[in-house]
Amino acid sequence: MVEPKTHNQKLSALLTSVKEKVNAAQDQQQLIDAIEQVKAFGGPLKFNHGKRYAVAIIAVLTGLIITGVQWYQYRHLSSGTTILLVLLAITAIAMMVWSWRKNSSIGNLADELFQQDLLFDNGLQQVSVEPEAAASELMSRFHEFNRGNYSQEIKALYQGHYQGKEHAFDYHFYHFHYVDKRTTVTTDSKGRPRTRTTYDHYDRYGIYLPFIYVSNLALVGKSVSGLSGSTYKPASNRFNKLYRVVGDSEMTAAKFLKPALVLACEDIAATMSELNFEFNPQAELCMSFRDSDVITLQRSSDFNAPDDFIQLIRQHNELPKLKAALVHIETLMVYSDSNFRKTT
């Protein structure tokens, strides 16, 4: 006779099924179908961790009793008792962490579903890449990726299409992660050297695309290695505080940085942080920044309110920072394209 499944087993099976549907979803309706499946579950969306909580409580109480008895009798704790107390503490912590992680997985799944909906709403499609190889390939095209003395990787890559009023273009959005390794040497109280190695992790994000209107030019808001050439400063003090301009000639920079374009670059810096614009010799643009929330939004509902969650998924959720970046790129094109004759 097959034993009936427990609540936890049923919930685990549900989450596994929903996760598979989210990962395989090709459109918004399939995401809604996944929420409908959760809605039909018919039980609380929370794991029952009563037994684990009980084990944690027993471990803590046992530790307190042992500590109290031994301290009362001997005024110290033996090494064996100390080891036992450590094991009891590890047991209690492990039970609590396990319980927290299991329940947080439900919220994480809601995040994944909403993120997939954001990609659908904004015409983005994830591209599978080998992280280190992709970073290396981009480093060969843009100085922006010449960061990290220990490692570099593309953690995520998406492709999209922008249709503006005057220009349309295909683009890629990326998440770049790099690590700097540094070693410091100190001395202890006895004068002996101590070496400590630290790994500093950093993330930058950006958009790259074909850009035929200018090349060999960079507007640098976040310093990067390898750039060389003539420097140029337009008349705007505000712009010069935000960017350092490096190009193959001052004439190239001056011709590109029309007053209206200088103003646009100042304005976008109020929306994005640590901005770089690199126009490489291959007629490509890489617009990079530190902002991690360009293709994410705060989720306002979840599986506990399935009808509200479905409504959230049905509506169009625009990514304002992504739109601002793409509109700005179109502005760069408009003021660089001689066919539009915009000179101010």
C-alpha atoms as a PDB file:
ATOM      1  CA  MET A   1       0.000   0.000   0.000  1.00  0.00           C
ATOM      2  CA  VAL A   2       1.385   3.378  -1.025  1.00  0.00           C
ATOM      3  CA  GLU A   3       1.523   5.831   1.837  1.00  0.00           C
ATOM      4  CA  PRO A   4      -0.148   9.189   1.164  1.00  0.00           C
ATOM      5  CA  LYS A   5       2.222  12.057   0.548  1.00  0.00           C
ATOM      6  CA  THR A   6       2.808  14.532   3.334  1.00  0.00           C
ATOM      7  CA  HIS A   7       2.128  18.244   2.909  1.00  0.00           C
ATOM      8  CA  ASN A   8       5.846  18.914   2.518  1.00  0.00           C
ATOM      9  CA  GLN A   9       6.173  16.266  -0.196  1.00  0.00           C
ATOM     10  CA  LYS A  10       3.185  17.652  -2.097  1.00  0.00           C
ATOM     11  CA  LEU A  11       4.545  21.197  -1.845  1.00  0.00           C
ATOM     12  CA  SER A  12       8.005  20.125  -3.012  1.00  0.00           C
ATOM     13  CA  ALA A  13       6.484  18.346  -6.015  1.00  0.00           C
ATOM     14  CA  LEU A  14       4.410  21.435  -6.830  1.00  0.00           C
ATOM     15  CA  LEU A  15       7.408  23.759  -6.712  1.00  0.00           C
ATOM     16  CA  THR A  16       9.456  21.407  -8.883  1.00  0.00           C
ATOM     17  CA  SER A  17       6.686  21.302 -11.474  1.00  0.00           C
ATOM     18  CA  VAL A  18       6.170  25.073 -11.428  1.00  0.00           C
ATOM     19  CA  LYS A  19       9.900  25.732 -11.728  1.00  0.00           C
ATOM     20  CA  GLU A  20      10.081  23.482 -14.790  1.00  0.00           C
ATOM     21  CA  LYS A  21       7.178  25.381 -16.362  1.00  0.00           C
ATOM     22  CA  VAL A  22       8.772  28.756 -15.651  1.00  0.00           C
ATOM     23  CA  ASN A  23      12.090  27.658 -17.138  1.00  0.00           C
ATOM     24  CA  ALA A  24      10.376  26.301 -20.256  1.00  0.00           C
ATOM     25  CA  ALA A  25       7.881  29.157 -20.690  1.00  0.00           C
ATOM     26  CA  GLN A  26       7.768  30.705 -24.154  1.00  0.00           C
ATOM     27  CA  ASP A  27       5.122  33.324 -23.488  1.00  0.00           C
ATOM     28  CA  GLN A  28       3.203  35.138 -20.787  1.00  0.00           C
ATOM     29  CA  GLN A  29       0.263  32.716 -20.796  1.00  0.00           C
ATOM     30  CA  GLN A  30       2.495  29.824 -19.784  1.00  0.00           C
ATOM     31  CA  LEU A  31       3.630  31.848 -16.764  1.00  0.00           C
ATOM     32  CA  ILE A  32      -0.003  32.476 -15.856  1.00  0.00           C
ATOM     33  CA  ASP A  33      -0.702  28.749 -16.188  1.00  0.00           C
ATOM     34  CA  ALA A  34       2.066  28.109 -13.655  1.00  0.00           C
ATOM     35  CA  ILE A  35       0.434  30.508 -11.183  1.00  0.00           C
ATOM     36  CA  GLU A  36      -2.936  28.832 -11.767  1.00  0.00           C
ATOM     37  CA  GLN A  37      -1.320  25.521 -10.830  1.00  0.00           C
ATOM     38  CA  VAL A  38      -0.171  27.024  -7.531  1.00  0.00           C
ATOM     39  CA  LYS A  39      -3.619  28.520  -6.969  1.00  0.00           C
ATOM     40  CA  ALA A  40      -5.174  25.055  -7.323  1.00  0.00           C
ATOM     41  CA  PHE A  41      -2.807  23.518  -4.764  1.00  0.00           C
ATOM     42  CA  GLY A  42      -5.358  23.701  -1.972  1.00  0.00           C
ATOM     43  CA  GLY A  43      -2.969  24.034   0.947  1.00  0.00           C
ATOM     44  CA  PRO A  44      -0.731  26.571   2.676  1.00  0.00           C
ATOM     45  CA  LEU A  45       2.320  27.601   0.660  1.00  0.00           C
ATOM     46  CA  LYS A  46       4.662  27.018   3.536  1.00  0.00           C
ATOM     47  CA  PHE A  47       6.672  24.005   4.566  1.00  0.00           C
ATOM     48  CA  ASN A  48       5.878  22.418   7.910  1.00  0.00           C
ATOM     49  CA  HIS A  49       9.147  22.367   9.835  1.00  0.00           C
ATOM     50  CA  GLY A  50       7.737  21.452  13.231  1.00  0.00           C
ATOM     51  CA  LYS A  51      10.066  18.472  13.671  1.00  0.00           C
ATOM     52  CA  ARG A  52      13.161  20.462  12.748  1.00  0.00           C
ATOM     53  CA  TYR A  53      12.161  23.296  15.067  1.00  0.00           C
ATOM     54  CA  ALA A  54      11.684  20.725  17.830  1.00  0.00           C
ATOM     55  CA  VAL A  55      15.145  19.269  17.204  1.00  0.00           C
ATOM     56  CA  ALA A  56      16.650  22.765  17.313  1.00  0.00           C
ATOM     57  CA  ILE A  57      14.881  23.582  20.590  1.00  0.00           C
ATOM     58  CA  ILE A  58      15.923  20.274  22.159  1.00  0.00           C
ATOM     59  CA  ALA A  59      19.538  20.861  21.087  1.00  0.00           C
ATOM     60  CA  VAL A  60      19.550  24.329  22.650  1.00  0.00           C
ATOM     61  CA  LEU A  61      17.901  23.181  25.883  1.00  0.00           C
ATOM     62  CA  THR A  62      20.243  20.192  26.148  1.00  0.00           C
ATOM     63  CA  GLY A  63      23.230  22.480  25.721  1.00  0.00           C
ATOM     64  CA  LEU A  64      21.964  24.851  28.396  1.00  0.00           C
ATOM     65  CA  ILE A  65      21.323  22.020  30.862  1.00  0.00           C
ATOM     66  CA  ILE A  66      24.738  20.434  30.296  1.00  0.00           C
ATOM     67  CA  THR A  67      26.450  23.801  30.639  1.00  0.00           C
ATOM     68  CA  GLY A  68      24.563  24.644  33.823  1.00  0.00           C
ATOM     69  CA  VAL A  69      25.190  21.276  35.490  1.00  0.00           C
ATOM     70  CA  GLN A  70      28.902  21.119  34.692  1.00  0.00           C
ATOM     71  CA  TRP A  71      29.515  24.721  35.628  1.00  0.00           C
ATOM     72  CA  TYR A  72      27.660  24.265  38.901  1.00  0.00           C
ATOM     73  CA  GLN A  73      29.712  21.180  39.780  1.00  0.00           C
ATOM     74  CA  TYR A  74      33.176  22.059  38.455  1.00  0.00           C
ATOM     75  CA  ARG A  75      33.167  25.804  37.680  1.00  0.00           C
ATOM     76  CA  HIS A  76      34.595  25.049  34.228  1.00  0.00           C
ATOM     77  CA  LEU A  77      33.725  23.176  31.054  1.00  0.00           C
ATOM     78  CA  SER A  78      35.763  20.158  29.993  1.00  0.00           C
ATOM     79  CA  SER A  79      37.051  19.869  26.425  1.00  0.00           C
ATOM     80  CA  GLY A  80      34.635  17.008  25.781  1.00  0.00           C
ATOM     81  CA  THR A  81      31.716  19.100  26.969  1.00  0.00           C
ATOM     82  CA  THR A  82      32.830  22.019  24.819  1.00  0.00           C
ATOM     83  CA  ILE A  83      32.925  19.789  21.740  1.00  0.00           C
ATOM     84  CA  LEU A  84      29.457  18.457  22.557  1.00  0.00           C
ATOM     85  CA  LEU A  85      28.094  21.997  22.964  1.00  0.00           C
ATOM     86  CA  VAL A  86      29.555  22.993  19.605  1.00  0.00           C
ATOM     87  CA  LEU A  87      27.890  19.997  17.950  1.00  0.00           C
ATOM     88  CA  LEU A  88      24.563  20.843  19.573  1.00  0.00           C
ATOM     89  CA  ALA A  89      24.861  24.458  18.414  1.00  0.00           C
ATOM     90  CA  ILE A  90      25.670  23.344  14.868  1.00  0.00           C
ATOM     91  CA  THR A  91      22.642  21.041  14.927  1.00  0.00           C
ATOM     92  CA  ALA A  92      20.314  23.831  16.070  1.00  0.00           C
ATOM     93  CA  ILE A  93      21.660  26.298  13.517  1.00  0.00           C
ATOM     94  CA  ALA A  94      21.492  23.731  10.705  1.00  0.00           C
ATOM     95  CA  MET A  95      17.842  22.978  11.456  1.00  0.00           C
ATOM     96  CA  MET A  96      16.906  26.661  11.454  1.00  0.00           C
ATOM     97  CA  VAL A  97      18.873  27.486   8.289  1.00  0.00           C
ATOM     98  CA  TRP A  98      17.402  24.494   6.449  1.00  0.00           C
ATOM     99  CA  SER A  99      13.875  25.554   7.400  1.00  0.00           C
ATOM    100  CA  TRP A 100      14.472  29.150   6.330  1.00  0.00           C
ATOM    101  CA  ARG A 101      15.976  28.146   2.989  1.00  0.00           C
ATOM    102  CA  LYS A 102      13.115  25.781   2.156  1.00  0.00           C
ATOM    103  CA  ASN A 103      10.470  28.435   2.774  1.00  0.00           C
ATOM    104  CA  SER A 104      12.467  31.167   1.024  1.00  0.00           C
ATOM    105  CA  SER A 105      12.604  28.976  -2.097  1.00  0.00           C
ATOM    106  CA  ILE A 106       8.908  29.775  -2.659  1.00  0.00           C
ATOM    107  CA  GLY A 107       9.612  33.501  -2.811  1.00  0.00           C
ATOM    108  CA  ASN A 108      12.649  32.881  -5.005  1.00  0.00           C
ATOM    109  CA  LEU A 109      10.475  30.999  -7.480  1.00  0.00           C
ATOM    110  CA  ALA A 110       8.047  33.927  -7.601  1.00  0.00           C
ATOM    111  CA  ASP A 111      11.034  36.184  -8.340  1.00  0.00           C
ATOM    112  CA  GLU A 112      12.122  33.911 -11.201  1.00  0.00           C
ATOM    113  CA  LEU A 113       8.630  33.896 -12.695  1.00  0.00           C
ATOM    114  CA  PHE A 114       8.303  37.679 -12.491  1.00  0.00           C
ATOM    115  CA  GLN A 115      11.770  38.159 -13.971  1.00  0.00           C
ATOM    116  CA  GLN A 116      10.832  35.962 -16.917  1.00  0.00           C
ATOM    117  CA  ASP A 117       7.714  38.070 -17.416  1.00  0.00           C
ATOM    118  CA  LEU A 118       9.849  41.224 -17.446  1.00  0.00           C
ATOM    119  CA  LEU A 119      11.944  39.707 -20.220  1.00  0.00           C
ATOM    120  CA  PHE A 120       8.801  38.922 -22.238  1.00  0.00           C
ATOM    121  CA  ASP A 121       7.337  42.390 -21.667  1.00  0.00           C
ATOM    122  CA  ASN A 122      10.519  44.123 -22.779  1.00  0.00           C
ATOM    123  CA  GLY A 123      11.438  41.920 -25.711  1.00  0.00           C
ATOM    124  CA  LEU A 124      14.516  40.379 -24.122  1.00  0.00           C
ATOM    125  CA  GLN A 125      15.710  36.837 -24.689  1.00  0.00           C
ATOM    126  CA  GLN A 126      18.469  35.199 -22.676  1.00  0.00           C
ATOM    127  CA  VAL A 127      21.484  33.976 -24.634  1.00  0.00           C
ATOM    128  CA  SER A 128      23.448  30.944 -23.445  1.00  0.00           C
ATOM    129  CA  VAL A 129      27.187  31.619 -23.286  1.00  0.00           C
ATOM    130  CA  GLU A 130      30.279  30.155 -21.684  1.00  0.00           C
ATOM    131  CA  PRO A 131      30.924  32.818 -18.999  1.00  0.00           C
ATOM    132  CA  GLU A 132      34.717  33.109 -19.144  1.00  0.00           C
ATOM    133  CA  ALA A 133      34.971  32.693 -22.920  1.00  0.00           C
ATOM    134  CA  ALA A 134      32.309  35.359 -23.479  1.00  0.00           C
ATOM    135  CA  ALA A 135      34.172  37.808 -21.228  1.00  0.00           C
ATOM    136  CA  SER A 136      37.420  37.102 -23.059  1.00  0.00           C
ATOM    137  CA  GLU A 137      35.776  37.682 -26.441  1.00  0.00           C
ATOM    138  CA  LEU A 138      34.277  40.985 -25.332  1.00  0.00           C
ATOM    139  CA  MET A 139      37.616  42.032 -23.841  1.00  0.00           C
ATOM    140  CA  SER A 140      39.108  41.693 -27.323  1.00  0.00           C
ATOM    141  CA  ARG A 141      36.545  44.235 -28.586  1.00  0.00           C
ATOM    142  CA  PHE A 142      36.151  46.716 -25.715  1.00  0.00           C
ATOM    143  CA  HIS A 143      38.546  48.092 -23.099  1.00  0.00           C
ATOM    144  CA  GLU A 144      35.572  48.116 -20.700  1.00  0.00           C
ATOM    145  CA  PHE A 145      36.138  44.420 -20.031  1.00  0.00           C
ATOM    146  CA  ASN A 146      39.802  44.895 -19.158  1.00  0.00           C
ATOM    147  CA  ARG A 147      38.992  44.641 -15.465  1.00  0.00           C
ATOM    148  CA  GLY A 148      39.826  42.094 -12.784  1.00  0.00           C
ATOM    149  CA  ASN A 149      43.351  40.744 -12.314  1.00  0.00           C
ATOM    150  CA  TYR A 150      42.044  37.376 -11.129  1.00  0.00           C
ATOM    151  CA  SER A 151      38.936  36.459 -13.135  1.00  0.00           C
ATOM    152  CA  GLN A 152      36.266  37.800 -15.486  1.00  0.00           C
ATOM    153  CA  GLU A 153      32.961  36.279 -16.574  1.00  0.00           C
ATOM    154  CA  ILE A 154      29.707  37.186 -18.279  1.00  0.00           C
ATOM    155  CA  LYS A 155      27.113  36.016 -15.766  1.00  0.00           C
ATOM    156  CA  ALA A 156      24.140  36.716 -18.035  1.00  0.00           C
ATOM    157  CA  LEU A 157      23.584  37.874 -21.602  1.00  0.00           C
ATOM    158  CA  TYR A 158      20.338  38.953 -23.272  1.00  0.00           C
ATOM    159  CA  GLN A 159      19.465  40.071 -26.774  1.00  0.00           C
ATOM    160  CA  GLY A 160      16.779  42.571 -27.688  1.00  0.00           C
ATOM    161  CA  HIS A 161      15.516  44.965 -30.328  1.00  0.00           C
ATOM    162  CA  TYR A 162      14.724  48.652 -29.945  1.00  0.00           C
ATOM    163  CA  GLN A 163      12.309  50.496 -32.216  1.00  0.00           C
ATOM    164  CA  GLY A 164      12.565  54.240 -31.760  1.00  0.00           C
ATOM    165  CA  LYS A 165      11.021  57.186 -33.546  1.00  0.00           C
ATOM    166  CA  GLU A 166      13.978  57.671 -35.882  1.00  0.00           C
ATOM    167  CA  HIS A 167      16.262  54.681 -35.383  1.00  0.00           C
ATOM    168  CA  ALA A 168      15.896  50.963 -34.711  1.00  0.00           C
ATOM    169  CA  PHE A 169      18.648  48.589 -33.641  1.00  0.00           C
ATOM    170  CA  ASP A 170      19.439  45.172 -32.211  1.00  0.00           C
ATOM    171  CA  TYR A 171      21.418  45.110 -28.980  1.00  0.00           C
ATOM    172  CA  HIS A 172      22.791  42.870 -26.248  1.00  0.00           C
ATOM    173  CA  PHE A 173      22.475  43.503 -22.517  1.00  0.00           C
ATOM    174  CA  TYR A 174      25.079  41.873 -20.259  1.00  0.00           C
ATOM    175  CA  HIS A 175      26.014  41.316 -16.624  1.00  0.00           C
ATOM    176  CA  PHE A 176      29.800  41.360 -16.205  1.00  0.00           C
ATOM    177  CA  HIS A 177      31.433  40.022 -13.031  1.00  0.00           C
ATOM    178  CA  TYR A 178      35.116  40.416 -12.287  1.00  0.00           C
ATOM    179  CA  VAL A 179      37.419  39.706  -9.353  1.00  0.00           C
ATOM    180  CA  ASP A 180      40.521  41.525  -8.167  1.00  0.00           C
ATOM    181  CA  LYS A 181      43.019  39.590  -6.080  1.00  0.00           C
ATOM    182  CA  ARG A 182      45.181  41.495  -3.619  1.00  0.00           C
ATOM    183  CA  THR A 183      47.697  40.370  -1.044  1.00  0.00           C
ATOM    184  CA  THR A 184      48.610  42.266   2.106  1.00  0.00           C
ATOM    185  CA  VAL A 185      51.479  41.489   4.466  1.00  0.00           C
ATOM    186  CA  THR A 186      51.314  42.386   8.146  1.00  0.00           C
ATOM    187  CA  THR A 187      53.276  41.426  11.237  1.00  0.00           C
ATOM    188  CA  ASP A 188      51.926  39.882  14.401  1.00  0.00           C
ATOM    189  CA  SER A 189      52.831  40.853  17.962  1.00  0.00           C
ATOM    190  CA  LYS A 190      56.048  38.826  17.706  1.00  0.00           C
ATOM    191  CA  GLY A 191      57.148  40.481  14.491  1.00  0.00           C
ATOM    192  CA  ARG A 192      56.400  37.488  12.287  1.00  0.00           C
ATOM    193  CA  PRO A 193      55.006  38.235   8.817  1.00  0.00           C
ATOM    194  CA  ARG A 194      51.442  37.276   8.054  1.00  0.00           C
ATOM    195  CA  THR A 195      50.128  37.168   4.492  1.00  0.00           C
ATOM    196  CA  ARG A 196      46.457  37.689   3.745  1.00  0.00           C
ATOM    197  CA  THR A 197      44.875  37.238   0.317  1.00  0.00           C
ATOM    198  CA  THR A 198      41.616  39.045  -0.408  1.00  0.00           C
ATOM    199  CA  TYR A 199      39.324  38.601  -3.404  1.00  0.00           C
ATOM    200  CA  ASP A 200      37.249  41.676  -4.215  1.00  0.00           C
ATOM    201  CA  HIS A 201      34.163  40.981  -6.332  1.00  0.00           C
ATOM    202  CA  TYR A 202      32.633  43.598  -8.635  1.00  0.00           C
ATOM    203  CA  ASP A 203      29.742  43.756 -11.080  1.00  0.00           C
ATOM    204  CA  ARG A 204      29.064  45.997 -14.037  1.00  0.00           C
ATOM    205  CA  TYR A 205      26.298  45.934 -16.585  1.00  0.00           C
ATOM    206  CA  GLY A 206      25.869  47.302 -20.043  1.00  0.00           C
ATOM    207  CA  ILE A 207      24.567  47.341 -23.590  1.00  0.00           C
ATOM    208  CA  TYR A 208      26.585  46.788 -26.738  1.00  0.00           C
ATOM    209  CA  LEU A 209      25.480  47.186 -30.354  1.00  0.00           C
ATOM    210  CA  PRO A 210      26.644  48.303 -33.814  1.00  0.00           C
ATOM    211  CA  PHE A 211      27.235  52.065 -34.008  1.00  0.00           C
ATOM    212  CA  ILE A 212      28.473  53.301 -37.379  1.00  0.00           C
ATOM    213  CA  TYR A 213      28.624  57.045 -36.724  1.00  0.00           C
ATOM    214  CA  VAL A 214      31.871  57.360 -34.751  1.00  0.00           C
ATOM    215  CA  SER A 215      34.793  55.130 -33.736  1.00  0.00           C
ATOM    216  CA  ASN A 216      37.922  55.268 -31.578  1.00  0.00           C
ATOM    217  CA  LEU A 217      36.271  57.455 -28.947  1.00  0.00           C
ATOM    218  CA  ALA A 218      35.410  56.961 -25.278  1.00  0.00           C
ATOM    219  CA  LEU A 219      33.502  58.947 -22.668  1.00  0.00           C
ATOM    220  CA  VAL A 220      34.808  57.595 -19.379  1.00  0.00           C
ATOM    221  CA  GLY A 221      32.958  57.990 -16.097  1.00  0.00           C
ATOM    222  CA  LYS A 222      34.489  54.886 -14.495  1.00  0.00           C
ATOM    223  CA  SER A 223      38.223  54.523 -15.116  1.00  0.00           C
ATOM    224  CA  VAL A 224      39.318  51.656 -17.337  1.00  0.00           C
ATOM    225  CA  SER A 225      42.738  50.390 -18.415  1.00  0.00           C
ATOM    226  CA  GLY A 226      44.135  50.482 -21.922  1.00  0.00           C
ATOM    227  CA  LEU A 227      42.542  53.612 -23.359  1.00  0.00           C
ATOM    228  CA  SER A 228      44.956  55.984 -25.063  1.00  0.00           C
ATOM    229  CA  GLY A 229      44.823  58.930 -27.432  1.00  0.00           C
ATOM    230  CA  SER A 230      43.992  62.604 -27.404  1.00  0.00           C
ATOM    231  CA  THR A 231      41.890  64.076 -24.622  1.00  0.00           C
ATOM    232  CA  TYR A 232      39.170  66.630 -25.158  1.00  0.00           C
ATOM    233  CA  LYS A 233      37.052  68.847 -22.932  1.00  0.00           C
ATOM    234  CA  PRO A 234      33.855  70.511 -24.149  1.00  0.00           C
ATOM    235  CA  ALA A 235      32.754  73.837 -22.683  1.00  0.00           C
ATOM    236  CA  SER A 236      30.451  72.255 -20.070  1.00  0.00           C
ATOM    237  CA  ASN A 237      31.982  72.009 -16.579  1.00  0.00           C
ATOM    238  CA  ARG A 238      29.214  69.627 -15.553  1.00  0.00           C
ATOM    239  CA  PHE A 239      30.079  67.253 -18.396  1.00  0.00           C
ATOM    240  CA  ASN A 240      33.784  67.425 -17.606  1.00  0.00           C
ATOM    241  CA  LYS A 241      33.102  66.432 -14.003  1.00  0.00           C
ATOM    242  CA  LEU A 242      31.183  63.371 -15.201  1.00  0.00           C
ATOM    243  CA  TYR A 243      33.343  62.140 -18.075  1.00  0.00           C
ATOM    244  CA  ARG A 244      36.898  62.057 -19.371  1.00  0.00           C
ATOM    245  CA  VAL A 245      36.958  62.085 -23.177  1.00  0.00           C
ATOM    246  CA  VAL A 246      39.636  60.065 -24.987  1.00  0.00           C
ATOM    247  CA  GLY A 247      39.786  59.659 -28.769  1.00  0.00           C
ATOM    248  CA  ASP A 248      42.026  59.248 -31.756  1.00  0.00           C
ATOM    249  CA  SER A 249      41.873  63.017 -32.274  1.00  0.00           C
ATOM    250  CA  GLU A 250      40.390  66.130 -30.718  1.00  0.00           C
ATOM    251  CA  MET A 251      38.579  66.794 -33.982  1.00  0.00           C
ATOM    252  CA  THR A 252      36.739  63.465 -33.770  1.00  0.00           C
ATOM    253  CA  ALA A 253      35.630  64.220 -30.218  1.00  0.00           C
ATOM    254  CA  ALA A 254      34.627  67.812 -30.974  1.00  0.00           C
ATOM    255  CA  LYS A 255      32.623  66.788 -34.030  1.00  0.00           C
ATOM    256  CA  PHE A 256      30.767  64.103 -32.066  1.00  0.00           C
ATOM    257  CA  LEU A 257      30.119  66.082 -28.879  1.00  0.00           C
ATOM    258  CA  LYS A 258      27.624  68.614 -30.166  1.00  0.00           C
ATOM    259  CA  PRO A 259      26.065  70.806 -27.427  1.00  0.00           C
ATOM    260  CA  ALA A 260      22.773  68.886 -27.452  1.00  0.00           C
ATOM    261  CA  LEU A 261      24.611  65.584 -27.170  1.00  0.00           C
ATOM    262  CA  VAL A 262      26.743  66.915 -24.296  1.00  0.00           C
ATOM    263  CA  LEU A 263      23.523  67.852 -22.494  1.00  0.00           C
ATOM    264  CA  ALA A 264      22.008  64.410 -23.166  1.00  0.00           C
ATOM    265  CA  CYS A 265      25.083  62.703 -21.684  1.00  0.00           C
ATOM    266  CA  GLU A 266      24.798  64.909 -18.614  1.00  0.00           C
ATOM    267  CA  ASP A 267      21.125  64.031 -18.209  1.00  0.00           C
ATOM    268  CA  ILE A 268      21.565  60.256 -18.530  1.00  0.00           C
ATOM    269  CA  ALA A 269      24.212  60.394 -15.788  1.00  0.00           C
ATOM    270  CA  ALA A 270      21.421  61.367 -13.385  1.00  0.00           C
ATOM    271  CA  THR A 271      19.722  58.038 -14.146  1.00  0.00           C
ATOM    272  CA  MET A 272      22.705  55.680 -14.470  1.00  0.00           C
ATOM    273  CA  SER A 273      25.860  55.553 -12.343  1.00  0.00           C
ATOM    274  CA  GLU A 274      29.543  55.254 -13.313  1.00  0.00           C
ATOM    275  CA  LEU A 275      28.743  55.512 -17.007  1.00  0.00           C
ATOM    276  CA  ASN A 276      31.155  54.711 -19.806  1.00  0.00           C
ATOM    277  CA  PHE A 277      30.592  55.026 -23.551  1.00  0.00           C
ATOM    278  CA  GLU A 278      33.167  53.253 -25.682  1.00  0.00           C
ATOM    279  CA  PHE A 279      33.035  53.459 -29.480  1.00  0.00           C
ATOM    280  CA  ASN A 280      35.538  50.888 -30.715  1.00  0.00           C
ATOM    281  CA  PRO A 281      37.387  50.678 -34.075  1.00  0.00           C
ATOM    282  CA  GLN A 282      34.909  48.019 -35.293  1.00  0.00           C
ATOM    283  CA  ALA A 283      32.019  50.540 -35.274  1.00  0.00           C
ATOM    284  CA  GLU A 284      30.449  49.209 -32.074  1.00  0.00           C
ATOM    285  CA  LEU A 285      29.258  50.989 -28.947  1.00  0.00           C
ATOM    286  CA  CYS A 286      29.468  49.632 -25.411  1.00  0.00           C
ATOM    287  CA  MET A 287      27.474  51.650 -22.887  1.00  0.00           C
ATOM    288  CA  SER A 288      28.356  50.385 -19.408  1.00  0.00           C
ATOM    289  CA  PHE A 289      27.250  51.260 -15.880  1.00  0.00           C
ATOM    290  CA  ARG A 290      27.151  50.032 -12.302  1.00  0.00           C
ATOM    291  CA  ASP A 291      23.343  49.863 -11.910  1.00  0.00           C
ATOM    292  CA  SER A 292      22.099  46.345 -11.119  1.00  0.00           C
ATOM    293  CA  ASP A 293      18.379  47.160 -11.450  1.00  0.00           C
ATOM    294  CA  VAL A 294      18.172  47.987 -15.159  1.00  0.00           C
ATOM    295  CA  ILE A 295      16.290  44.808 -16.123  1.00  0.00           C
ATOM    296  CA  THR A 296      14.620  44.153 -12.762  1.00  0.00           C
ATOM    297  CA  LEU A 297      11.668  45.617 -10.874  1.00  0.00           C
ATOM    298  CA  GLN A 298      10.315  45.258  -7.358  1.00  0.00           C
ATOM    299  CA  ARG A 299       7.698  42.505  -7.345  1.00  0.00           C
ATOM    300  CA  SER A 300       4.393  43.695  -5.826  1.00  0.00           C
ATOM    301  CA  SER A 301       2.637  40.320  -5.467  1.00  0.00           C
ATOM    302  CA  ASP A 302       3.385  36.615  -5.131  1.00  0.00           C
ATOM    303  CA  PHE A 303       1.892  33.114  -5.007  1.00  0.00           C
ATOM    304  CA  ASN A 304       0.080  33.875  -1.740  1.00  0.00           C
ATOM    305  CA  ALA A 305      -2.196  36.252  -3.676  1.00  0.00           C
ATOM    306  CA  PRO A 306      -2.460  34.363  -6.974  1.00  0.00           C
ATOM    307  CA  ASP A 307      -5.151  36.537  -8.552  1.00  0.00           C
ATOM    308  CA  ASP A 308      -3.112  39.688  -7.895  1.00  0.00           C
ATOM    309  CA  PHE A 309       0.003  37.917  -9.153  1.00  0.00           C
ATOM    310  CA  ILE A 310      -1.781  36.938 -12.368  1.00  0.00           C
ATOM    311  CA  GLN A 311      -2.912  40.537 -12.846  1.00  0.00           C
ATOM    312  CA  LEU A 312       0.677  41.698 -12.363  1.00  0.00           C
ATOM    313  CA  ILE A 313       1.872  39.264 -15.018  1.00  0.00           C
ATOM    314  CA  ARG A 314      -0.920  40.184 -17.461  1.00  0.00           C
ATOM    315  CA  GLN A 315      -0.068  43.883 -17.423  1.00  0.00           C
ATOM    316  CA  HIS A 316       2.846  45.354 -19.342  1.00  0.00           C
ATOM    317  CA  ASN A 317       5.724  45.984 -16.944  1.00  0.00           C
ATOM    318  CA  GLU A 318       8.150  48.375 -18.593  1.00  0.00           C
ATOM    319  CA  LEU A 319      11.754  48.650 -17.425  1.00  0.00           C
ATOM    320  CA  PRO A 320      12.272  52.425 -17.067  1.00  0.00           C
ATOM    321  CA  LYS A 321      16.058  52.385 -16.753  1.00  0.00           C
ATOM    322  CA  LEU A 322      16.462  50.118 -19.768  1.00  0.00           C
ATOM    323  CA  LYS A 323      14.174  52.369 -21.792  1.00  0.00           C
ATOM    324  CA  ALA A 324      16.122  55.459 -20.696  1.00  0.00           C
ATOM    325  CA  ALA A 325      19.393  53.843 -21.794  1.00  0.00           C
ATOM    326  CA  LEU A 326      17.998  52.804 -25.182  1.00  0.00           C
ATOM    327  CA  VAL A 327      16.410  56.200 -25.794  1.00  0.00           C
ATOM    328  CA  HIS A 328      19.751  57.803 -24.979  1.00  0.00           C
ATOM    329  CA  ILE A 329      21.534  55.546 -27.475  1.00  0.00           C
ATOM    330  CA  GLU A 330      19.002  56.602 -30.104  1.00  0.00           C
ATOM    331  CA  THR A 331      19.761  60.221 -29.206  1.00  0.00           C
ATOM    332  CA  LEU A 332      23.463  59.554 -29.812  1.00  0.00           C
ATOM    333  CA  MET A 333      22.539  58.172 -33.223  1.00  0.00           C
ATOM    334  CA  VAL A 334      20.249  61.058 -34.130  1.00  0.00           C
ATOM    335  CA  TYR A 335      22.841  63.730 -33.367  1.00  0.00           C
ATOM    336  CA  SER A 336      25.576  61.726 -35.103  1.00  0.00           C
ATOM    337  CA  ASP A 337      23.606  60.898 -38.250  1.00  0.00           C
ATOM    338  CA  SER A 338      24.154  63.584 -40.885  1.00  0.00           C
ATOM    339  CA  ASN A 339      20.884  62.580 -42.555  1.00  0.00           C
ATOM    340  CA  PHE A 340      18.969  64.174 -39.681  1.00  0.00           C
ATOM    341  CA  ARG A 341      20.925  67.448 -39.803  1.00  0.00           C
ATOM    342  CA  LYS A 342      20.689  68.048 -36.054  1.00  0.00           C
ATOM    343  CA  THR A 343      23.580  70.297 -35.075  1.00  0.00           C
ATOM    344  CA  THR A 344      22.531  71.808 -31.766  1.00  0.00           C
END
